[in-house]
Amino acid sequence: MHKTSVTRKGQTVVPAPLRKQFNIGPSSKLVWSTDGKVIQVTALPAEPIKALRGFSQKHPLRGALLKKRREDKSLE
């Protein structure tokens, strides 16, 4: 676990090990979100489309989706 503090201006630092692990650099974009109780920070990939390449091949619902599409096509 990494701890940081917040400055008077509301700024904080991303710890170096996390910057290296997630390839966060000076022009990187971070998304801050909350569910009302927990704050989550997500690093956006520099090339989001490229980062998603091959995602569906590993997705657990891929097989079920393809099966349903075949069933739907057979009903046409």
C-alpha atoms as a PDB file:
ATOM      1  CA  MET A   1       0.000   0.000   0.000  1.00  0.00           C
ATOM      2  CA  HIS A   2       1.209   3.486  -0.845  1.00  0.00           C
ATOM      3  CA  LYS A   3       0.272   6.625   1.072  1.00  0.00           C
ATOM      4  CA  THR A   4       0.430  10.176  -0.226  1.00  0.00           C
ATOM      5  CA  SER A   5      -0.799  13.497   1.076  1.00  0.00           C
ATOM      6  CA  VAL A   6      -2.782  16.273  -0.556  1.00  0.00           C
ATOM      7  CA  THR A   7      -1.396  19.814  -0.830  1.00  0.00           C
ATOM      8  CA  ARG A   8      -3.340  23.001  -0.124  1.00  0.00           C
ATOM      9  CA  LYS A   9      -3.973  23.205  -3.867  1.00  0.00           C
ATOM     10  CA  GLY A  10      -5.551  19.730  -3.881  1.00  0.00           C
ATOM     11  CA  GLN A  11      -2.587  18.094  -5.599  1.00  0.00           C
ATOM     12  CA  THR A  12      -1.138  14.685  -4.822  1.00  0.00           C
ATOM     13  CA  VAL A  13       1.688  12.505  -6.149  1.00  0.00           C
ATOM     14  CA  VAL A  14       1.400   9.116  -7.815  1.00  0.00           C
ATOM     15  CA  PRO A  15       4.050   6.950  -6.119  1.00  0.00           C
ATOM     16  CA  ALA A  16       7.000   6.042  -8.363  1.00  0.00           C
ATOM     17  CA  PRO A  17       6.441   2.242  -8.220  1.00  0.00           C
ATOM     18  CA  LEU A  18       2.861   2.735  -9.443  1.00  0.00           C
ATOM     19  CA  ARG A  19       3.957   5.177 -12.165  1.00  0.00           C
ATOM     20  CA  LYS A  20       6.398   2.561 -13.437  1.00  0.00           C
ATOM     21  CA  GLN A  21       3.955  -0.349 -13.144  1.00  0.00           C
ATOM     22  CA  PHE A  22       1.184   1.471 -15.035  1.00  0.00           C
ATOM     23  CA  ASN A  23       3.455   3.464 -17.365  1.00  0.00           C
ATOM     24  CA  ILE A  24       2.215   6.819 -16.076  1.00  0.00           C
ATOM     25  CA  GLY A  25       4.215   9.751 -17.395  1.00  0.00           C
ATOM     26  CA  PRO A  26       3.927  13.547 -17.670  1.00  0.00           C
ATOM     27  CA  SER A  27       1.195  13.484 -20.344  1.00  0.00           C
ATOM     28  CA  SER A  28      -0.768  10.537 -18.932  1.00  0.00           C
ATOM     29  CA  LYS A  29      -4.474  10.921 -18.186  1.00  0.00           C
ATOM     30  CA  LEU A  30      -6.037   9.678 -14.946  1.00  0.00           C
ATOM     31  CA  VAL A  31      -9.751   9.186 -14.305  1.00  0.00           C
ATOM     32  CA  TRP A  32     -10.998   9.776 -10.759  1.00  0.00           C
ATOM     33  CA  SER A  33     -14.284   8.103  -9.830  1.00  0.00           C
ATOM     34  CA  THR A  34     -16.195   7.382  -6.658  1.00  0.00           C
ATOM     35  CA  ASP A  35     -19.090   5.292  -5.437  1.00  0.00           C
ATOM     36  CA  GLY A  36     -19.641   7.715  -2.570  1.00  0.00           C
ATOM     37  CA  LYS A  37     -17.408   5.792  -0.166  1.00  0.00           C
ATOM     38  CA  VAL A  38     -14.246   4.906  -2.090  1.00  0.00           C
ATOM     39  CA  ILE A  39     -12.199   6.935  -4.578  1.00  0.00           C
ATOM     40  CA  GLN A  40     -10.741   5.001  -7.508  1.00  0.00           C
ATOM     41  CA  VAL A  41      -8.011   6.329  -9.803  1.00  0.00           C
ATOM     42  CA  THR A  42      -7.630   4.673 -13.194  1.00  0.00           C
ATOM     43  CA  ALA A  43      -4.804   5.346 -15.628  1.00  0.00           C
ATOM     44  CA  LEU A  44      -6.054   5.681 -19.199  1.00  0.00           C
ATOM     45  CA  PRO A  45      -3.909   4.010 -21.844  1.00  0.00           C
ATOM     46  CA  ALA A  46      -2.187   6.376 -24.269  1.00  0.00           C
ATOM     47  CA  GLU A  47      -3.812   4.491 -27.164  1.00  0.00           C
ATOM     48  CA  PRO A  48      -7.153   3.145 -25.860  1.00  0.00           C
ATOM     49  CA  ILE A  49      -8.142   1.357 -29.077  1.00  0.00           C
ATOM     50  CA  LYS A  50      -4.808  -0.452 -29.260  1.00  0.00           C
ATOM     51  CA  ALA A  51      -5.109  -1.390 -25.574  1.00  0.00           C
ATOM     52  CA  LEU A  52      -8.438  -3.138 -26.259  1.00  0.00           C
ATOM     53  CA  ARG A  53      -7.096  -5.188 -29.169  1.00  0.00           C
ATOM     54  CA  GLY A  54      -7.678  -8.874 -28.392  1.00  0.00           C
ATOM     55  CA  PHE A  55      -9.813  -8.111 -25.326  1.00  0.00           C
ATOM     56  CA  SER A  56     -12.797 -10.107 -26.573  1.00  0.00           C
ATOM     57  CA  GLN A  57     -10.635 -13.199 -27.131  1.00  0.00           C
ATOM     58  CA  LYS A  58     -10.082 -13.461 -23.367  1.00  0.00           C
ATOM     59  CA  HIS A  59     -13.516 -12.321 -22.184  1.00  0.00           C
ATOM     60  CA  PRO A  60     -15.422 -15.065 -20.318  1.00  0.00           C
ATOM     61  CA  LEU A  61     -18.754 -14.259 -22.002  1.00  0.00           C
ATOM     62  CA  ARG A  62     -17.367 -14.434 -25.549  1.00  0.00           C
ATOM     63  CA  GLY A  63     -18.398 -18.066 -26.088  1.00  0.00           C
ATOM     64  CA  ALA A  64     -21.948 -17.488 -24.876  1.00  0.00           C
ATOM     65  CA  LEU A  65     -22.321 -14.400 -27.068  1.00  0.00           C
ATOM     66  CA  LEU A  66     -21.124 -16.227 -30.190  1.00  0.00           C
ATOM     67  CA  LYS A  67     -23.447 -19.170 -29.440  1.00  0.00           C
ATOM     68  CA  LYS A  68     -26.431 -16.812 -29.041  1.00  0.00           C
ATOM     69  CA  ARG A  69     -25.574 -15.056 -32.303  1.00  0.00           C
ATOM     70  CA  ARG A  70     -25.493 -18.415 -34.130  1.00  0.00           C
ATOM     71  CA  GLU A  71     -28.884 -19.315 -32.637  1.00  0.00           C
ATOM     72  CA  ASP A  72     -30.360 -15.959 -33.671  1.00  0.00           C
ATOM     73  CA  LYS A  73     -28.978 -16.327 -37.180  1.00  0.00           C
ATOM     74  CA  SER A  74     -30.529 -19.784 -37.542  1.00  0.00           C
ATOM     75  CA  LEU A  75     -33.977 -18.281 -36.746  1.00  0.00           C
ATOM     76  CA  GLU A  76     -33.769 -15.803 -39.644  1.00  0.00           C
END
